[in-house]
Amino acid sequence: MDIEFSLAMPRDAIGIPMVRRVVGDALRSLGVTEECVSDILLATSEACANAVRHGGPANRYEVMATIGNGRCELRVADEGEGLHMIPRQYPPAETENGRGILIMRAVVDDLSFDITPGRGTTVRLSKELDWDEDAIAHHLTLDRHLAGV
């Protein structure tokens, strides 16, 4: 089962809960475990917050999701200046910002950036899905893998 959708969001923090709701509802309806959903939503929130904060001068950013083959991939694209460097460690405790990329890295399997300075950044998050015991989508994925053996 493959699901794809995209959301064009205003570059305003008020849209982040809507993104979380749409992504979370899609994953939960397929039977993804709550722990896995929480990890994906945390990473998605961080990526969206960065797009809201750094995605100017555009008035919107885009979230594209693909759920299939036992994985969830999300891409959050903005039209901002782009990252100058990726932090390697957490900043000091008294620093208010700078933890988002490290948090995303901690909760997803793969994190990458497509950066075009002055034209935008696309953050790509990917995570293998963990399934509830009775998840139909998990059984469909298993059946597809077994049929290919």
N, C-alpha and C. Protein backbone atom coordinates (compact mmCIF):
# COMPACT_ATOMS: atom_id res chain seq x y z
N MET A 1 0.85 -1.17 0.00
CA MET A 1 0.00 0.00 0.00
C MET A 1 0.89 1.23 0.00
N ASP A 2 0.70 2.10 -0.98
CA ASP A 2 1.45 3.35 -1.05
C ASP A 2 0.50 4.52 -0.94
N ILE A 3 0.87 5.46 -0.10
CA ILE A 3 0.08 6.68 0.08
C ILE A 3 1.03 7.85 -0.14
N GLU A 4 0.59 8.81 -0.94
CA GLU A 4 1.36 10.04 -1.14
C GLU A 4 0.43 11.22 -1.01
N PHE A 5 0.92 12.26 -0.36
CA PHE A 5 0.16 13.50 -0.30
C PHE A 5 1.12 14.65 -0.07
N SER A 6 0.65 15.85 -0.37
CA SER A 6 1.46 17.04 -0.10
C SER A 6 0.57 18.13 0.46
N LEU A 7 1.18 18.98 1.23
CA LEU A 7 0.49 20.10 1.86
C LEU A 7 1.29 21.37 1.57
N ALA A 8 0.64 22.39 1.10
CA ALA A 8 1.26 23.70 0.94
C ALA A 8 0.78 24.53 2.12
N MET A 9 1.73 24.92 2.97
CA MET A 9 1.38 25.57 4.23
C MET A 9 1.86 27.02 4.26
N PRO A 10 1.08 27.89 4.91
CA PRO A 10 1.57 29.26 5.10
C PRO A 10 2.79 29.24 6.01
N ARG A 11 3.73 30.12 5.77
CA ARG A 11 4.93 30.17 6.58
C ARG A 11 4.62 30.85 7.90
N ASP A 12 3.85 30.11 8.70
CA ASP A 12 3.37 30.60 9.99
C ASP A 12 3.27 29.39 10.91
N ALA A 13 3.67 29.56 12.15
CA ALA A 13 3.69 28.44 13.10
C ALA A 13 2.31 27.84 13.32
N ILE A 14 1.26 28.57 13.03
CA ILE A 14 -0.09 28.05 13.27
C ILE A 14 -0.40 26.82 12.41
N GLY A 15 0.30 26.63 11.29
CA GLY A 15 0.06 25.49 10.41
C GLY A 15 0.73 24.21 10.86
N ILE A 16 1.72 24.29 11.75
CA ILE A 16 2.46 23.09 12.16
C ILE A 16 1.54 22.05 12.82
N PRO A 17 0.63 22.43 13.72
CA PRO A 17 -0.28 21.42 14.27
C PRO A 17 -1.15 20.74 13.19
N MET A 18 -1.49 21.47 12.13
CA MET A 18 -2.27 20.86 11.06
C MET A 18 -1.45 19.79 10.33
N VAL A 19 -0.17 20.09 10.07
CA VAL A 19 0.71 19.11 9.44
C VAL A 19 0.80 17.87 10.34
N ARG A 20 1.01 18.09 11.63
CA ARG A 20 1.10 16.97 12.58
C ARG A 20 -0.18 16.13 12.56
N ARG A 21 -1.33 16.78 12.49
CA ARG A 21 -2.61 16.07 12.51
C ARG A 21 -2.76 15.20 11.27
N VAL A 22 -2.47 15.76 10.09
CA VAL A 22 -2.63 15.02 8.83
C VAL A 22 -1.67 13.84 8.78
N VAL A 23 -0.40 14.08 9.07
CA VAL A 23 0.60 13.00 9.03
C VAL A 23 0.28 11.95 10.08
N GLY A 24 0.00 12.39 11.30
CA GLY A 24 -0.31 11.45 12.38
C GLY A 24 -1.54 10.61 12.10
N ASP A 25 -2.61 11.23 11.60
CA ASP A 25 -3.83 10.47 11.29
C ASP A 25 -3.58 9.44 10.19
N ALA A 26 -2.79 9.80 9.19
CA ALA A 26 -2.49 8.84 8.12
C ALA A 26 -1.73 7.65 8.67
N LEU A 27 -0.72 7.89 9.49
CA LEU A 27 0.07 6.78 10.06
C LEU A 27 -0.75 5.93 11.01
N ARG A 28 -1.52 6.57 11.87
CA ARG A 28 -2.34 5.82 12.83
C ARG A 28 -3.41 4.98 12.13
N SER A 29 -3.98 5.51 11.06
CA SER A 29 -5.03 4.76 10.35
C SER A 29 -4.47 3.49 9.71
N LEU A 30 -3.17 3.47 9.44
CA LEU A 30 -2.54 2.27 8.87
C LEU A 30 -2.10 1.29 9.94
N GLY A 31 -2.09 1.73 11.21
CA GLY A 31 -1.70 0.84 12.30
C GLY A 31 -0.25 0.95 12.72
N VAL A 32 0.35 2.11 12.50
CA VAL A 32 1.72 2.35 12.95
C VAL A 32 1.69 2.57 14.46
N THR A 33 2.70 2.03 15.17
CA THR A 33 2.72 2.17 16.62
C THR A 33 2.79 3.63 17.03
N GLU A 34 2.25 3.93 18.19
CA GLU A 34 2.24 5.31 18.67
C GLU A 34 3.65 5.84 18.90
N GLU A 35 4.57 5.01 19.35
CA GLU A 35 5.96 5.45 19.54
C GLU A 35 6.59 5.88 18.21
N CYS A 36 6.36 5.10 17.18
CA CYS A 36 6.89 5.42 15.86
C CYS A 36 6.24 6.69 15.31
N VAL A 37 4.93 6.82 15.47
CA VAL A 37 4.22 8.03 15.04
C VAL A 37 4.79 9.25 15.76
N SER A 38 5.02 9.12 17.07
CA SER A 38 5.55 10.24 17.85
C SER A 38 6.92 10.68 17.35
N ASP A 39 7.79 9.71 17.03
CA ASP A 39 9.11 10.05 16.51
C ASP A 39 9.00 10.81 15.19
N ILE A 40 8.16 10.32 14.30
CA ILE A 40 7.99 10.97 12.99
C ILE A 40 7.41 12.36 13.15
N LEU A 41 6.44 12.51 14.04
CA LEU A 41 5.83 13.83 14.24
C LEU A 41 6.80 14.82 14.88
N LEU A 42 7.65 14.35 15.79
CA LEU A 42 8.65 15.24 16.38
C LEU A 42 9.60 15.76 15.32
N ALA A 43 10.11 14.85 14.49
CA ALA A 43 11.03 15.26 13.42
C ALA A 43 10.34 16.18 12.42
N THR A 44 9.09 15.87 12.08
CA THR A 44 8.34 16.70 11.14
C THR A 44 8.12 18.10 11.71
N SER A 45 7.78 18.18 12.98
CA SER A 45 7.57 19.48 13.63
C SER A 45 8.84 20.32 13.59
N GLU A 46 9.97 19.68 13.86
CA GLU A 46 11.25 20.41 13.84
C GLU A 46 11.55 20.93 12.43
N ALA A 47 11.34 20.08 11.42
CA ALA A 47 11.60 20.50 10.04
C ALA A 47 10.66 21.64 9.64
N CYS A 48 9.39 21.54 10.02
CA CYS A 48 8.43 22.61 9.70
C CYS A 48 8.78 23.90 10.44
N ALA A 49 9.18 23.79 11.70
CA ALA A 49 9.56 24.99 12.46
C ALA A 49 10.74 25.68 11.80
N ASN A 50 11.70 24.91 11.29
CA ASN A 50 12.83 25.52 10.59
C ASN A 50 12.37 26.21 9.31
N ALA A 51 11.43 25.59 8.59
CA ALA A 51 10.92 26.21 7.36
C ALA A 51 10.18 27.50 7.68
N VAL A 52 9.43 27.51 8.76
CA VAL A 52 8.71 28.73 9.16
C VAL A 52 9.71 29.81 9.55
N ARG A 53 10.71 29.44 10.29
CA ARG A 53 11.67 30.43 10.80
C ARG A 53 12.63 30.93 9.72
N HIS A 54 13.10 30.02 8.86
CA HIS A 54 14.17 30.37 7.94
C HIS A 54 13.75 30.35 6.46
N GLY A 55 12.49 30.10 6.16
CA GLY A 55 12.05 29.87 4.79
C GLY A 55 11.72 31.09 3.97
N GLY A 56 12.02 32.28 4.47
CA GLY A 56 11.70 33.49 3.73
C GLY A 56 12.63 33.71 2.55
N PRO A 57 12.23 34.48 1.61
CA PRO A 57 11.15 35.45 1.63
C PRO A 57 9.79 34.87 1.22
N ALA A 58 9.73 33.60 0.84
CA ALA A 58 8.45 33.00 0.41
C ALA A 58 7.45 33.03 1.56
N ASN A 59 6.18 33.03 1.22
CA ASN A 59 5.11 33.05 2.22
C ASN A 59 4.60 31.66 2.57
N ARG A 60 5.19 30.62 1.94
CA ARG A 60 4.71 29.27 2.22
C ARG A 60 5.86 28.28 2.14
N TYR A 61 5.60 27.08 2.65
CA TYR A 61 6.51 25.96 2.51
C TYR A 61 5.67 24.74 2.17
N GLU A 62 6.32 23.66 1.76
CA GLU A 62 5.58 22.49 1.33
C GLU A 62 6.05 21.26 2.09
N VAL A 63 5.08 20.40 2.44
CA VAL A 63 5.35 19.12 3.08
C VAL A 63 4.85 18.04 2.14
N MET A 64 5.74 17.12 1.76
CA MET A 64 5.37 16.01 0.88
C MET A 64 5.62 14.71 1.64
N ALA A 65 4.65 13.81 1.64
CA ALA A 65 4.76 12.56 2.38
C ALA A 65 4.55 11.38 1.45
N THR A 66 5.36 10.34 1.68
CA THR A 66 5.19 9.06 0.99
C THR A 66 5.25 7.99 2.07
N ILE A 67 4.20 7.18 2.12
CA ILE A 67 4.14 6.07 3.06
C ILE A 67 3.96 4.81 2.23
N GLY A 68 4.92 3.91 2.32
CA GLY A 68 4.84 2.67 1.56
C GLY A 68 6.07 1.81 1.77
N ASN A 69 5.92 0.53 1.46
CA ASN A 69 7.01 -0.43 1.62
C ASN A 69 7.60 -0.42 3.02
N GLY A 70 6.74 -0.20 4.01
CA GLY A 70 7.18 -0.25 5.40
C GLY A 70 7.96 0.97 5.85
N ARG A 71 7.92 2.06 5.09
CA ARG A 71 8.66 3.27 5.43
C ARG A 71 7.78 4.50 5.29
N CYS A 72 8.17 5.53 5.98
CA CYS A 72 7.55 6.84 5.82
C CYS A 72 8.67 7.80 5.44
N GLU A 73 8.47 8.51 4.35
CA GLU A 73 9.43 9.54 3.93
C GLU A 73 8.69 10.86 3.85
N LEU A 74 9.26 11.86 4.48
CA LEU A 74 8.69 13.21 4.45
C LEU A 74 9.75 14.17 3.94
N ARG A 75 9.30 15.11 3.12
CA ARG A 75 10.17 16.16 2.62
C ARG A 75 9.52 17.50 2.96
N VAL A 76 10.28 18.36 3.58
CA VAL A 76 9.81 19.69 3.94
C VAL A 76 10.67 20.68 3.16
N ALA A 77 10.04 21.43 2.25
CA ALA A 77 10.78 22.31 1.34
C ALA A 77 10.38 23.76 1.57
N ASP A 78 11.41 24.61 1.65
CA ASP A 78 11.17 26.05 1.76
C ASP A 78 12.01 26.78 0.71
N GLU A 79 11.87 28.08 0.67
CA GLU A 79 12.61 28.88 -0.31
C GLU A 79 13.53 29.88 0.37
N GLY A 80 14.06 29.48 1.54
CA GLY A 80 14.93 30.37 2.30
C GLY A 80 16.37 30.37 1.82
N GLU A 81 17.23 30.96 2.63
CA GLU A 81 18.65 31.10 2.29
C GLU A 81 19.40 29.77 2.28
N GLY A 82 18.93 28.79 3.01
CA GLY A 82 19.63 27.51 3.09
C GLY A 82 20.58 27.47 4.27
N LEU A 83 20.88 26.29 4.72
CA LEU A 83 21.79 26.10 5.85
C LEU A 83 23.22 26.40 5.44
N HIS A 84 23.96 26.99 6.37
CA HIS A 84 25.37 27.24 6.10
C HIS A 84 26.24 26.10 6.61
N MET A 85 25.80 25.45 7.70
CA MET A 85 26.50 24.29 8.22
C MET A 85 25.56 23.48 9.09
N ILE A 86 25.82 22.19 9.18
CA ILE A 86 25.02 21.28 10.01
C ILE A 86 25.74 21.13 11.36
N PRO A 87 25.05 21.40 12.48
CA PRO A 87 25.72 21.26 13.79
C PRO A 87 26.08 19.81 14.08
N ARG A 88 27.20 19.62 14.74
CA ARG A 88 27.67 18.27 15.07
C ARG A 88 27.37 17.88 16.51
N GLN A 89 27.07 18.86 17.35
CA GLN A 89 26.75 18.55 18.75
C GLN A 89 25.71 19.54 19.25
N TYR A 90 25.08 19.17 20.36
CA TYR A 90 24.08 20.05 20.94
C TYR A 90 24.74 21.32 21.46
N PRO A 91 24.05 22.45 21.32
CA PRO A 91 24.60 23.70 21.86
C PRO A 91 24.51 23.68 23.39
N PRO A 92 25.16 24.62 24.06
CA PRO A 92 25.06 24.69 25.52
C PRO A 92 23.61 24.81 25.97
N ALA A 93 23.33 24.35 27.19
CA ALA A 93 21.96 24.30 27.72
C ALA A 93 21.28 25.66 27.74
N GLU A 94 22.03 26.72 27.93
CA GLU A 94 21.41 28.05 27.99
C GLU A 94 21.06 28.62 26.63
N THR A 95 21.49 27.97 25.55
CA THR A 95 21.18 28.42 24.20
C THR A 95 19.74 28.03 23.85
N GLU A 96 18.98 28.96 23.30
CA GLU A 96 17.57 28.70 23.01
C GLU A 96 17.34 27.92 21.72
N ASN A 97 18.24 28.01 20.75
CA ASN A 97 18.03 27.40 19.44
C ASN A 97 19.19 26.46 19.09
N GLY A 98 19.02 25.74 17.98
CA GLY A 98 20.13 24.95 17.47
C GLY A 98 20.06 23.47 17.73
N ARG A 99 18.96 22.98 18.29
CA ARG A 99 18.85 21.56 18.60
C ARG A 99 18.01 20.78 17.59
N GLY A 100 17.29 21.46 16.73
CA GLY A 100 16.32 20.80 15.85
C GLY A 100 16.90 19.73 14.96
N ILE A 101 18.01 20.01 14.31
CA ILE A 101 18.61 19.03 13.40
C ILE A 101 19.08 17.81 14.18
N LEU A 102 19.67 18.04 15.35
CA LEU A 102 20.15 16.92 16.16
C LEU A 102 18.98 16.09 16.69
N ILE A 103 17.88 16.74 17.03
CA ILE A 103 16.69 16.01 17.47
C ILE A 103 16.14 15.17 16.32
N MET A 104 16.04 15.77 15.12
CA MET A 104 15.55 15.00 13.97
C MET A 104 16.43 13.78 13.73
N ARG A 105 17.74 13.99 13.76
CA ARG A 105 18.68 12.89 13.52
C ARG A 105 18.49 11.76 14.54
N ALA A 106 18.12 12.11 15.78
CA ALA A 106 17.98 11.12 16.84
C ALA A 106 16.73 10.24 16.68
N VAL A 107 15.69 10.74 16.00
CA VAL A 107 14.42 10.01 15.99
C VAL A 107 14.04 9.40 14.64
N VAL A 108 14.80 9.69 13.57
CA VAL A 108 14.51 9.07 12.27
C VAL A 108 15.71 8.23 11.84
N ASP A 109 15.50 7.37 10.86
CA ASP A 109 16.57 6.51 10.37
C ASP A 109 17.50 7.24 9.41
N ASP A 110 16.95 8.17 8.65
CA ASP A 110 17.75 8.87 7.66
C ASP A 110 17.31 10.33 7.61
N LEU A 111 18.27 11.22 7.62
CA LEU A 111 18.03 12.66 7.53
C LEU A 111 19.01 13.22 6.52
N SER A 112 18.49 13.93 5.53
CA SER A 112 19.37 14.56 4.55
C SER A 112 18.80 15.91 4.15
N PHE A 113 19.67 16.71 3.53
CA PHE A 113 19.31 18.06 3.14
C PHE A 113 19.70 18.29 1.70
N ASP A 114 18.81 18.88 0.95
CA ASP A 114 19.11 19.36 -0.39
C ASP A 114 19.08 20.87 -0.28
N ILE A 115 20.25 21.49 -0.33
CA ILE A 115 20.37 22.92 -0.08
C ILE A 115 20.86 23.62 -1.34
N THR A 116 20.10 24.62 -1.77
CA THR A 116 20.51 25.49 -2.86
C THR A 116 20.56 26.90 -2.28
N PRO A 117 21.76 27.40 -1.94
CA PRO A 117 21.85 28.71 -1.29
C PRO A 117 21.06 29.78 -2.07
N GLY A 118 20.24 30.49 -1.31
CA GLY A 118 19.43 31.56 -1.90
C GLY A 118 18.17 31.07 -2.58
N ARG A 119 18.01 29.75 -2.74
CA ARG A 119 16.82 29.24 -3.43
C ARG A 119 16.03 28.25 -2.59
N GLY A 120 16.56 27.82 -1.45
CA GLY A 120 15.77 26.99 -0.58
C GLY A 120 16.46 25.74 -0.08
N THR A 121 15.77 25.10 0.85
CA THR A 121 16.24 23.88 1.48
C THR A 121 15.11 22.87 1.48
N THR A 122 15.44 21.62 1.17
CA THR A 122 14.50 20.52 1.35
C THR A 122 15.10 19.58 2.38
N VAL A 123 14.36 19.36 3.45
CA VAL A 123 14.76 18.41 4.49
C VAL A 123 14.05 17.10 4.18
N ARG A 124 14.81 16.00 4.12
CA ARG A 124 14.24 14.69 3.85
C ARG A 124 14.40 13.83 5.08
N LEU A 125 13.25 13.35 5.61
CA LEU A 125 13.21 12.49 6.78
C LEU A 125 12.69 11.13 6.36
N SER A 126 13.32 10.06 6.82
CA SER A 126 12.85 8.73 6.47
C SER A 126 12.95 7.83 7.69
N LYS A 127 11.91 7.03 7.89
CA LYS A 127 11.89 6.12 9.05
C LYS A 127 11.16 4.84 8.69
N GLU A 128 11.75 3.71 9.09
CA GLU A 128 11.07 2.43 8.94
C GLU A 128 9.93 2.38 9.95
N LEU A 129 8.80 1.90 9.50
CA LEU A 129 7.60 1.91 10.34
C LEU A 129 7.55 0.68 11.25
N ASP A 130 7.12 0.91 12.48
CA ASP A 130 6.82 -0.17 13.42
C ASP A 130 5.30 -0.28 13.46
N TRP A 131 4.83 -1.52 13.47
CA TRP A 131 3.38 -1.76 13.32
C TRP A 131 2.76 -2.30 14.60
N ASP A 132 1.51 -1.90 14.83
CA ASP A 132 0.71 -2.54 15.86
C ASP A 132 0.48 -3.98 15.43
N GLU A 133 0.25 -4.86 16.37
CA GLU A 133 0.06 -6.29 16.08
C GLU A 133 -1.04 -6.56 15.06
N ASP A 134 -2.13 -5.84 15.16
CA ASP A 134 -3.28 -6.10 14.29
C ASP A 134 -3.36 -5.16 13.08
N ALA A 135 -2.27 -4.50 12.74
CA ALA A 135 -2.28 -3.53 11.63
C ALA A 135 -2.42 -4.24 10.30
N ILE A 136 -3.47 -3.93 9.57
CA ILE A 136 -3.70 -4.54 8.26
C ILE A 136 -2.60 -4.14 7.28
N ALA A 137 -2.16 -2.87 7.33
CA ALA A 137 -1.11 -2.41 6.40
C ALA A 137 0.17 -3.21 6.59
N HIS A 138 0.48 -3.59 7.82
CA HIS A 138 1.67 -4.40 8.08
C HIS A 138 1.55 -5.76 7.40
N HIS A 139 0.39 -6.37 7.51
CA HIS A 139 0.17 -7.67 6.89
C HIS A 139 0.23 -7.57 5.36
N LEU A 140 -0.28 -6.48 4.80
CA LEU A 140 -0.19 -6.28 3.35
C LEU A 140 1.27 -6.15 2.93
N THR A 141 2.07 -5.43 3.71
CA THR A 141 3.49 -5.28 3.42
C THR A 141 4.20 -6.63 3.51
N LEU A 142 3.90 -7.39 4.57
CA LEU A 142 4.49 -8.72 4.73
C LEU A 142 4.12 -9.63 3.58
N ASP A 143 2.83 -9.63 3.20
CA ASP A 143 2.38 -10.47 2.10
C ASP A 143 3.11 -10.12 0.80
N ARG A 144 3.33 -8.82 0.55
CA ARG A 144 4.03 -8.40 -0.66
C ARG A 144 5.47 -8.88 -0.62
N HIS A 145 6.13 -8.78 0.53
CA HIS A 145 7.52 -9.23 0.65
C HIS A 145 7.60 -10.74 0.50
N LEU A 146 6.68 -11.47 1.08
CA LEU A 146 6.69 -12.93 0.99
C LEU A 146 6.41 -13.39 -0.43
N ALA A 147 5.52 -12.67 -1.14
CA ALA A 147 5.19 -13.04 -2.51
C ALA A 147 6.38 -12.84 -3.44
N GLY A 148 7.28 -11.92 -3.07
CA GLY A 148 8.44 -11.65 -3.90
C GLY A 148 9.59 -12.61 -3.67
N VAL A 149 9.47 -13.50 -2.68
CA VAL A 149 10.55 -14.44 -2.35
C VAL A 149 10.51 -15.64 -3.24
